[in-house]
Amino acid sequence: ASPSTFRKLAGCTLFITGASRGIGKAIALKAAKDGANIVIAAKTAEPHPTLPGTIYTAAAEIEAAGGKALPCVVNVREEQQIINAVEKAVKTFGGIDILVNNASAISLTGTLETETKKVNLMMDVNVRGTYLTSKTCLPHLRKSRNPHILNLSPPMNLNPMWFKNHCAYTISKYGMSMCVLGMAEEFRGEVAVNALWPKTAIHTAAMDMLGGSGIEKQCRKTDILADAAYCILTKPKSFTGNFIIDEVLLREEGVKDFDVYAIAPGHPLMPDFFLDEKKLSGSQHEGPDGATVNTEPAPAKPLSPVAETFRVIQGAMSEEYVRSTQGVFQFELSGKTITLALHFPVHGLSPVPFSFSDGSVSSFLGKLKPTLAFMSGKLRIKGNMALAIKLEKMLTQLNSKL
């Protein structure tokens, strides 16, 4: 074991929402290795039919890692459950030193496609839940020697492309970030309040649901966020009001090998939401008045190679592709619309229109991945983003023929 002087979170009490699995559990296990106390504030008490882990299995892992665990059934939509868990944590461990607002709900759907119950869920969990949990913990955090609140939320990027495809989700995640802005200033000198966001997609159960099997190759492990969170939570409380990207912080901390975080080292990674392509690839620069200018040369508009590409795709279609994809893709290329139906007509699925700028034609020639095109705004999707990921998987498999 490391000397106690290096176990920076030994004896600290962390209240982590959504800690029964995924990113929340990874942060909990990292702190547990120091001998921290972990309050697992999550709603899964009974095994879920499709999602792994409960508050009790997480508690067992935390204690095996060297920490102390207090599993609490908490749905952050229910204020009284938050209050009860905070009171139990203070009674058990004597206080709260760190709050991690990790619980989150997601629906990547457009305004007309997002059901009201999904809007309510995202606003209640992401914004209201974060606000109420912070409010409930703050009186206890203020008594700690080095208190922190850490929200798993993005830097606020007002580029409209991050709103247009999933307006409700964006509003809800930016609501968490606005809690950071406001509370960091309100409690400056008393409690550190920061936000952490991944540069790339992270492999979690939620990502599996969005992208299906195979998506994990484009993701990093939850370990990268756990390591970044540890760096933040061990800084003094004067480190506050920051919107931190995991890889950026870890590079500043001296980390050089990021392959250790990859599910499939060497495989291209999917960038996460709310981070513009120019910040990831350097292929764009700020123009006058902050306008984004694409500095990549615009490819020509040859219809024959595009037509040939679709001819190859159609020729390679199999019942297996159809069964695994179940979608209709419409491509608008230089004014010409091409429809690729990957479902059986009896299913009656609604078409999913894709429209490409001239600079995106190359995606069909294997030069630009559909998911990256979507993340950078070059590919516009109405419907489920998972279909874009499925299309990418299909094109990857057909790459040698294309």
Protein backbone atom coordinates (compact mmCIF):
# COMPACT_ATOMS: atom_id res chain seq x y z
CA ALA A 1 0.00 0.00 0.00
CA SER A 2 1.09 3.54 -0.64
CA PRO A 3 2.19 5.60 2.34
CA SER A 4 -0.72 7.47 3.89
CA THR A 5 0.82 10.77 2.77
CA PHE A 6 0.11 9.78 -0.85
CA ARG A 7 -3.44 8.59 -0.18
CA LYS A 8 -4.87 12.03 -0.70
CA LEU A 9 -8.52 11.08 -0.29
CA ALA A 10 -8.06 8.78 2.73
CA GLY A 11 -10.87 9.39 5.19
CA CYS A 12 -12.71 11.77 2.83
CA THR A 13 -16.41 11.21 2.20
CA LEU A 14 -17.61 11.34 -1.39
CA PHE A 15 -21.32 11.54 -2.24
CA ILE A 16 -21.62 10.27 -5.84
CA THR A 17 -24.91 10.19 -7.75
CA GLY A 18 -25.32 7.41 -10.29
CA ALA A 19 -22.41 5.47 -8.77
CA SER A 20 -23.81 1.97 -9.24
CA ARG A 21 -22.18 1.65 -12.67
CA GLY A 22 -20.20 3.42 -15.38
CA ILE A 23 -18.36 6.69 -14.80
CA GLY A 24 -19.73 7.23 -11.29
CA LYS A 25 -18.54 3.82 -10.13
CA ALA A 26 -15.12 4.31 -11.76
CA ILE A 27 -14.62 7.57 -9.83
CA ALA A 28 -15.76 5.80 -6.65
CA LEU A 29 -13.29 2.94 -7.11
CA LYS A 30 -10.42 5.34 -7.76
CA ALA A 31 -11.14 7.17 -4.48
CA ALA A 32 -11.70 3.88 -2.65
CA LYS A 33 -8.09 2.88 -3.33
CA ASP A 34 -7.09 5.80 -1.11
CA GLY A 35 -9.37 4.56 1.66
CA ALA A 36 -12.19 7.04 1.03
CA ASN A 37 -15.79 6.71 2.20
CA ILE A 38 -18.21 6.46 -0.72
CA VAL A 39 -21.92 7.21 -0.58
CA ILE A 40 -23.43 5.36 -3.55
CA ALA A 41 -26.48 7.49 -4.31
CA ALA A 42 -28.23 5.64 -7.13
CA LYS A 43 -31.65 4.21 -7.82
CA THR A 44 -30.76 0.62 -8.81
CA ALA A 45 -31.39 -1.53 -5.74
CA GLU A 46 -32.65 -4.59 -7.65
CA PRO A 47 -30.79 -6.04 -10.66
CA HIS A 48 -31.82 -4.33 -13.90
CA PRO A 49 -32.88 -6.61 -16.78
CA THR A 50 -30.34 -5.13 -19.18
CA LEU A 51 -27.97 -2.88 -17.20
CA PRO A 52 -25.19 -4.27 -14.99
CA GLY A 53 -24.77 -3.57 -11.29
CA THR A 54 -26.73 -2.36 -8.28
CA ILE A 55 -25.84 -0.08 -5.37
CA TYR A 56 -24.98 -3.24 -3.40
CA THR A 57 -22.67 -4.82 -6.00
CA ALA A 58 -20.95 -1.43 -6.34
CA ALA A 59 -20.58 -1.27 -2.53
CA ALA A 60 -18.89 -4.69 -2.52
CA GLU A 61 -16.41 -3.56 -5.20
CA ILE A 62 -15.67 -0.33 -3.34
CA GLU A 63 -14.94 -2.15 -0.09
CA ALA A 64 -12.79 -4.71 -1.91
CA ALA A 65 -10.77 -1.78 -3.32
CA GLY A 66 -10.07 -0.45 0.18
CA GLY A 67 -12.86 2.05 0.76
CA LYS A 68 -15.96 2.16 2.94
CA ALA A 69 -19.31 2.14 1.20
CA LEU A 70 -22.78 3.36 2.10
CA PRO A 71 -25.34 2.28 -0.54
CA CYS A 72 -28.39 4.56 -0.62
CA VAL A 73 -31.43 4.28 -2.87
CA VAL A 74 -31.59 7.72 -4.46
CA ASN A 75 -33.58 8.84 -7.47
CA VAL A 76 -32.40 12.43 -7.83
CA ARG A 77 -35.87 13.36 -9.12
CA GLU A 78 -37.10 12.82 -5.53
CA GLU A 79 -35.89 15.57 -3.19
CA GLN A 80 -36.73 13.66 -0.02
CA GLN A 81 -34.58 10.71 -1.13
CA ILE A 82 -31.65 13.11 -1.60
CA ILE A 83 -32.21 14.64 1.85
CA ASN A 84 -32.49 11.21 3.50
CA ALA A 85 -29.25 9.97 1.89
CA VAL A 86 -27.32 13.11 2.85
CA GLU A 87 -28.51 12.83 6.47
CA LYS A 88 -27.54 9.15 6.54
CA ALA A 89 -24.11 9.96 5.07
CA VAL A 90 -23.42 12.63 7.68
CA LYS A 91 -24.59 10.34 10.48
CA THR A 92 -22.44 7.46 9.20
CA PHE A 93 -19.24 9.25 8.22
CA GLY A 94 -19.45 12.55 10.13
CA GLY A 95 -19.77 14.85 7.11
CA ILE A 96 -19.42 15.20 3.35
CA ASP A 97 -16.24 16.44 1.66
CA ILE A 98 -16.96 15.89 -2.04
CA LEU A 99 -20.08 15.78 -4.19
CA VAL A 100 -19.93 14.27 -7.69
CA ASN A 101 -23.05 15.02 -9.75
CA ASN A 102 -22.80 12.17 -12.23
CA ALA A 103 -26.40 10.95 -12.62
CA SER A 104 -27.68 11.89 -16.06
CA ALA A 105 -30.40 11.07 -18.60
CA ILE A 106 -30.03 11.26 -22.37
CA SER A 107 -32.28 11.29 -25.44
CA LEU A 108 -30.62 12.37 -28.69
CA THR A 109 -33.83 13.33 -30.44
CA GLY A 110 -35.15 16.43 -32.16
CA THR A 111 -37.77 18.76 -30.72
CA LEU A 112 -40.76 17.14 -32.43
CA GLU A 113 -39.53 13.61 -31.74
CA THR A 114 -38.83 14.07 -28.01
CA GLU A 115 -41.74 12.90 -25.88
CA THR A 116 -42.72 15.16 -22.99
CA LYS A 117 -41.86 12.44 -20.46
CA LYS A 118 -38.31 12.32 -21.90
CA VAL A 119 -38.02 16.12 -21.65
CA ASN A 120 -39.18 15.95 -18.04
CA LEU A 121 -36.74 13.12 -17.29
CA MET A 122 -33.71 15.01 -18.66
CA MET A 123 -34.62 18.29 -16.99
CA ASP A 124 -35.43 16.58 -13.67
CA VAL A 125 -32.32 14.39 -13.52
CA ASN A 126 -29.71 16.58 -15.18
CA VAL A 127 -30.65 20.11 -14.11
CA ARG A 128 -33.00 19.85 -11.13
CA GLY A 129 -31.29 16.78 -9.65
CA THR A 130 -27.85 18.39 -9.85
CA TYR A 131 -29.17 21.62 -8.34
CA LEU A 132 -31.04 19.96 -5.46
CA THR A 133 -28.24 17.54 -4.59
CA SER A 134 -25.76 20.42 -4.53
CA LYS A 135 -28.11 22.52 -2.41
CA THR A 136 -28.59 19.68 0.08
CA CYS A 137 -24.88 18.87 0.37
CA LEU A 138 -23.54 22.45 0.49
CA PRO A 139 -24.16 23.14 4.22
CA HIS A 140 -22.06 20.06 5.01
CA LEU A 141 -19.46 20.73 2.32
CA ARG A 142 -18.80 24.17 3.80
CA LYS A 143 -17.61 22.48 7.00
CA SER A 144 -14.99 20.39 5.15
CA ARG A 145 -11.33 21.38 4.94
CA ASN A 146 -11.13 20.98 1.16
CA PRO A 147 -14.65 20.62 -0.25
CA HIS A 148 -15.41 20.04 -3.93
CA ILE A 149 -18.44 19.74 -6.18
CA LEU A 150 -17.73 18.10 -9.54
CA ASN A 151 -20.40 18.00 -12.25
CA LEU A 152 -20.06 15.67 -15.23
CA SER A 153 -21.09 18.32 -17.73
CA PRO A 154 -19.61 20.03 -20.80
CA PRO A 155 -18.12 23.44 -21.50
CA MET A 156 -20.91 25.63 -22.79
CA ASN A 157 -20.42 25.85 -26.53
CA LEU A 158 -23.10 28.04 -28.12
CA ASN A 159 -22.50 26.75 -31.63
CA PRO A 160 -26.09 26.09 -32.84
CA MET A 161 -25.13 22.68 -34.21
CA TRP A 162 -25.02 21.37 -30.65
CA PHE A 163 -28.65 22.39 -30.15
CA LYS A 164 -30.38 21.62 -33.43
CA ASN A 165 -30.36 17.79 -33.32
CA HIS A 166 -31.10 17.30 -29.60
CA CYS A 167 -32.24 20.62 -28.15
CA ALA A 168 -33.73 19.24 -24.91
CA TYR A 169 -30.64 17.17 -24.06
CA THR A 170 -28.31 20.11 -24.73
CA ILE A 171 -30.38 22.44 -22.54
CA SER A 172 -30.32 19.90 -19.71
CA LYS A 173 -26.54 19.31 -19.85
CA TYR A 174 -25.82 23.03 -20.12
CA GLY A 175 -28.08 23.48 -17.09
CA MET A 176 -25.60 21.36 -15.12
CA SER A 177 -22.79 23.55 -16.44
CA MET A 178 -24.64 26.71 -15.44
CA CYS A 179 -24.79 25.31 -11.89
CA VAL A 180 -20.98 25.27 -12.03
CA LEU A 181 -20.82 28.87 -13.24
CA GLY A 182 -23.19 30.15 -10.57
CA MET A 183 -22.16 28.08 -7.57
CA ALA A 184 -18.42 28.46 -8.18
CA GLU A 185 -18.84 32.22 -7.86
CA GLU A 186 -21.40 32.08 -5.05
CA PHE A 187 -19.22 29.83 -2.88
CA ARG A 188 -15.79 31.04 -3.99
CA GLY A 189 -13.30 30.60 -1.16
CA GLU A 190 -15.56 28.07 0.56
CA VAL A 191 -16.29 25.24 -1.91
CA ALA A 192 -14.61 24.41 -5.21
CA VAL A 193 -17.12 23.80 -8.03
CA ASN A 194 -15.91 22.45 -11.38
CA ALA A 195 -17.10 20.53 -14.46
CA LEU A 196 -15.45 17.56 -16.15
CA TRP A 197 -16.16 16.28 -19.67
CA PRO A 198 -14.49 13.64 -21.86
CA LYS A 199 -12.75 14.49 -25.11
CA THR A 200 -13.89 11.19 -26.62
CA ALA A 201 -16.82 8.86 -26.23
CA ILE A 202 -16.60 6.72 -23.09
CA HIS A 203 -17.66 3.08 -23.07
CA THR A 204 -20.64 2.77 -20.73
CA ALA A 205 -23.95 0.91 -20.76
CA ALA A 206 -25.55 4.10 -22.11
CA MET A 207 -23.11 4.17 -25.03
CA ASP A 208 -23.88 0.52 -25.78
CA MET A 209 -27.58 1.38 -25.95
CA LEU A 210 -26.93 4.33 -28.27
CA GLY A 211 -24.51 2.65 -30.62
CA GLY A 212 -25.03 -1.07 -30.27
CA SER A 213 -22.39 -3.78 -30.26
CA GLY A 214 -19.07 -2.79 -31.75
CA ILE A 215 -19.28 0.86 -30.67
CA GLU A 216 -16.83 0.18 -27.83
CA LYS A 217 -13.90 0.15 -30.28
CA GLN A 218 -14.42 3.91 -30.78
CA CYS A 219 -14.47 4.59 -27.03
CA ARG A 220 -12.14 5.00 -24.10
CA LYS A 221 -12.50 3.30 -20.72
CA THR A 222 -14.13 5.06 -17.78
CA ASP A 223 -10.66 5.02 -16.15
CA ILE A 224 -9.66 8.23 -17.96
CA LEU A 225 -12.47 10.19 -16.29
CA ALA A 226 -11.72 8.58 -12.93
CA ASP A 227 -8.07 9.67 -13.19
CA ALA A 228 -9.04 13.20 -14.28
CA ALA A 229 -11.62 13.49 -11.49
CA TYR A 230 -9.00 12.39 -8.95
CA CYS A 231 -6.67 15.16 -10.16
CA ILE A 232 -9.42 17.75 -9.72
CA LEU A 233 -10.69 16.53 -6.35
CA THR A 234 -7.20 16.54 -4.82
CA LYS A 235 -6.52 20.16 -5.81
CA PRO A 236 -7.09 22.96 -3.29
CA LYS A 237 -10.54 24.56 -3.12
CA SER A 238 -9.12 27.66 -4.80
CA PHE A 239 -9.23 25.61 -8.03
CA THR A 240 -12.81 26.47 -8.97
CA GLY A 241 -15.08 27.53 -11.82
CA ASN A 242 -13.25 25.43 -14.41
CA PHE A 243 -14.63 23.43 -17.35
CA ILE A 244 -12.12 20.64 -17.76
CA ILE A 245 -11.57 18.19 -20.62
CA ASP A 246 -10.14 14.90 -19.34
CA GLU A 247 -7.29 14.48 -21.83
CA VAL A 248 -6.23 18.14 -21.64
CA LEU A 249 -5.92 17.99 -17.85
CA LEU A 250 -4.09 14.66 -17.82
CA ARG A 251 -1.57 15.91 -20.41
CA GLU A 252 -0.92 18.90 -18.16
CA GLU A 253 -0.40 16.43 -15.30
CA GLY A 254 2.28 14.64 -17.32
CA VAL A 255 0.34 11.70 -18.78
CA LYS A 256 1.74 10.76 -22.20
CA ASP A 257 0.38 7.29 -22.94
CA PHE A 258 -3.33 7.45 -23.71
CA ASP A 259 -3.48 4.04 -25.37
CA VAL A 260 -3.94 2.56 -21.90
CA TYR A 261 -7.36 4.20 -21.80
CA ALA A 262 -8.50 2.92 -25.20
CA ILE A 263 -10.82 -0.07 -25.50
CA ALA A 264 -9.11 -0.88 -28.82
CA PRO A 265 -5.70 0.87 -28.93
CA GLY A 266 -5.00 2.36 -32.35
CA HIS A 267 -8.66 2.37 -33.42
CA PRO A 268 -10.07 5.83 -34.33
CA LEU A 269 -11.96 7.40 -31.42
CA MET A 270 -15.31 9.12 -31.57
CA PRO A 271 -15.18 12.70 -30.23
CA ASP A 272 -17.74 13.55 -27.59
CA PHE A 273 -20.56 16.04 -27.89
CA PHE A 274 -20.15 19.81 -27.50
CA LEU A 275 -16.51 19.87 -28.62
CA ASP A 276 -16.06 21.45 -32.04
CA GLU A 277 -13.97 19.63 -34.64
CA LYS A 278 -11.53 22.54 -34.85
CA LYS A 279 -10.59 21.87 -31.22
CA LEU A 280 -10.05 18.21 -31.96
CA SER A 281 -8.36 18.10 -35.38
CA GLY A 282 -7.09 21.62 -35.97
CA SER A 283 -8.62 21.57 -39.42
CA GLN A 284 -10.66 24.72 -38.82
CA HIS A 285 -9.82 28.22 -37.63
CA GLU A 286 -11.72 31.18 -36.31
CA GLY A 287 -12.62 33.62 -39.05
CA PRO A 288 -13.81 37.25 -38.80
CA ASP A 289 -16.31 37.83 -36.00
CA GLY A 290 -15.70 34.33 -34.71
CA ALA A 291 -17.08 32.66 -37.82
CA THR A 292 -15.87 29.13 -38.43
CA VAL A 293 -13.92 28.69 -41.62
CA ASN A 294 -13.24 25.25 -43.04
CA THR A 295 -9.66 25.21 -44.32
CA GLU A 296 -9.88 21.77 -45.91
CA PRO A 297 -9.98 21.89 -49.69
CA ALA A 298 -13.49 21.34 -51.01
CA PRO A 299 -13.63 18.15 -53.05
CA ALA A 300 -15.13 18.12 -56.49
CA LYS A 301 -18.68 16.91 -57.04
CA PRO A 302 -18.21 13.79 -59.12
CA LEU A 303 -21.55 12.01 -59.26
CA SER A 304 -20.17 8.92 -60.95
CA PRO A 305 -17.92 7.83 -58.03
CA VAL A 306 -20.84 8.44 -55.65
CA ALA A 307 -23.17 6.41 -57.86
CA GLU A 308 -20.54 3.67 -58.03
CA THR A 309 -20.27 3.70 -54.23
CA PHE A 310 -24.00 3.16 -53.86
CA ARG A 311 -23.92 0.47 -56.52
CA VAL A 312 -21.32 -1.39 -54.42
CA ILE A 313 -23.36 -0.89 -51.23
CA GLN A 314 -26.53 -2.19 -52.84
CA GLY A 315 -24.71 -5.17 -54.29
CA ALA A 316 -23.26 -6.07 -50.90
CA MET A 317 -26.53 -5.85 -49.00
CA SER A 318 -27.51 -8.99 -47.16
CA GLU A 319 -30.33 -10.05 -44.90
CA GLU A 320 -27.89 -9.81 -41.98
CA TYR A 321 -27.17 -6.12 -42.69
CA VAL A 322 -30.88 -5.41 -42.97
CA ARG A 323 -31.74 -7.21 -39.74
CA SER A 324 -28.99 -5.50 -37.74
CA THR A 325 -29.58 -1.96 -39.08
CA GLN A 326 -33.35 -1.56 -39.44
CA GLY A 327 -33.34 1.93 -40.88
CA VAL A 328 -33.87 4.04 -43.97
CA PHE A 329 -31.14 6.50 -45.01
CA GLN A 330 -31.74 9.32 -47.46
CA PHE A 331 -28.66 11.02 -48.90
CA GLU A 332 -28.87 14.38 -50.66
CA LEU A 333 -25.77 14.80 -52.80
CA SER A 334 -25.41 17.83 -55.06
CA GLY A 335 -29.16 18.15 -55.38
CA LYS A 336 -29.71 14.46 -56.10
CA THR A 337 -31.52 12.36 -53.49
CA ILE A 338 -30.53 8.72 -53.04
CA THR A 339 -32.44 6.44 -50.66
CA LEU A 340 -30.87 3.38 -49.05
CA ALA A 341 -33.50 1.23 -47.33
CA LEU A 342 -32.14 -1.24 -44.81
CA HIS A 343 -35.36 -2.61 -43.41
CA PHE A 344 -38.16 -4.91 -44.50
CA PRO A 345 -41.09 -2.81 -45.86
CA VAL A 346 -43.58 -4.50 -43.52
CA HIS A 347 -41.88 -2.84 -40.56
CA GLY A 348 -42.98 0.57 -41.82
CA LEU A 349 -40.03 2.48 -40.40
CA SER A 350 -39.95 6.22 -41.05
CA PRO A 351 -37.19 7.46 -43.36
CA VAL A 352 -34.15 9.02 -41.70
CA PRO A 353 -32.98 11.84 -43.99
CA PHE A 354 -29.27 12.55 -44.22
CA SER A 355 -28.12 15.67 -46.07
CA PHE A 356 -24.48 16.29 -46.83
CA SER A 357 -22.57 19.42 -47.65
CA ASP A 358 -20.19 19.18 -50.60
CA GLY A 359 -17.33 18.66 -48.18
CA SER A 360 -18.93 15.48 -46.87
CA VAL A 361 -19.25 13.47 -50.08
CA SER A 362 -15.92 11.89 -49.25
CA SER A 363 -17.57 10.06 -46.34
CA PHE A 364 -18.90 7.58 -48.84
CA LEU A 365 -15.47 7.02 -50.26
CA GLY A 366 -14.13 5.93 -46.89
CA LYS A 367 -12.38 9.21 -46.07
CA LEU A 368 -14.77 10.62 -43.48
CA LYS A 369 -16.61 8.58 -40.88
CA PRO A 370 -20.38 9.21 -40.58
CA THR A 371 -20.19 9.56 -36.78
CA LEU A 372 -17.36 12.11 -37.00
CA ALA A 373 -19.26 13.93 -39.75
CA PHE A 374 -22.28 14.05 -37.45
CA MET A 375 -20.27 15.23 -34.44
CA SER A 376 -18.64 17.98 -36.51
CA GLY A 377 -21.93 19.14 -37.99
CA LYS A 378 -21.24 18.08 -41.57
CA LEU A 379 -23.81 15.31 -41.35
CA ARG A 380 -27.33 16.20 -40.32
CA ILE A 381 -29.59 13.52 -38.91
CA LYS A 382 -33.25 13.62 -38.04
CA GLY A 383 -33.97 10.67 -35.79
CA ASN A 384 -31.86 8.26 -33.81
CA MET A 385 -28.11 8.91 -33.82
CA ALA A 386 -27.59 5.18 -33.36
CA LEU A 387 -28.43 4.74 -37.05
CA ALA A 388 -25.41 6.87 -37.98
CA ILE A 389 -23.22 4.62 -35.87
CA LYS A 390 -24.71 1.52 -37.48
CA LEU A 391 -24.08 3.03 -40.93
CA GLU A 392 -20.47 3.64 -39.99
CA LYS A 393 -20.05 0.04 -38.87
CA MET A 394 -21.51 -1.14 -42.17
CA LEU A 395 -19.27 1.13 -44.25
CA THR A 396 -16.25 -0.01 -42.25
CA GLN A 397 -17.06 -3.62 -43.09
CA LEU A 398 -17.49 -2.67 -46.77
CA ASN A 399 -14.37 -0.49 -46.86
CA SER A 400 -12.29 -2.90 -48.89
CA LYS A 401 -14.98 -3.00 -51.60
CA LEU A 402 -15.48 0.78 -51.59
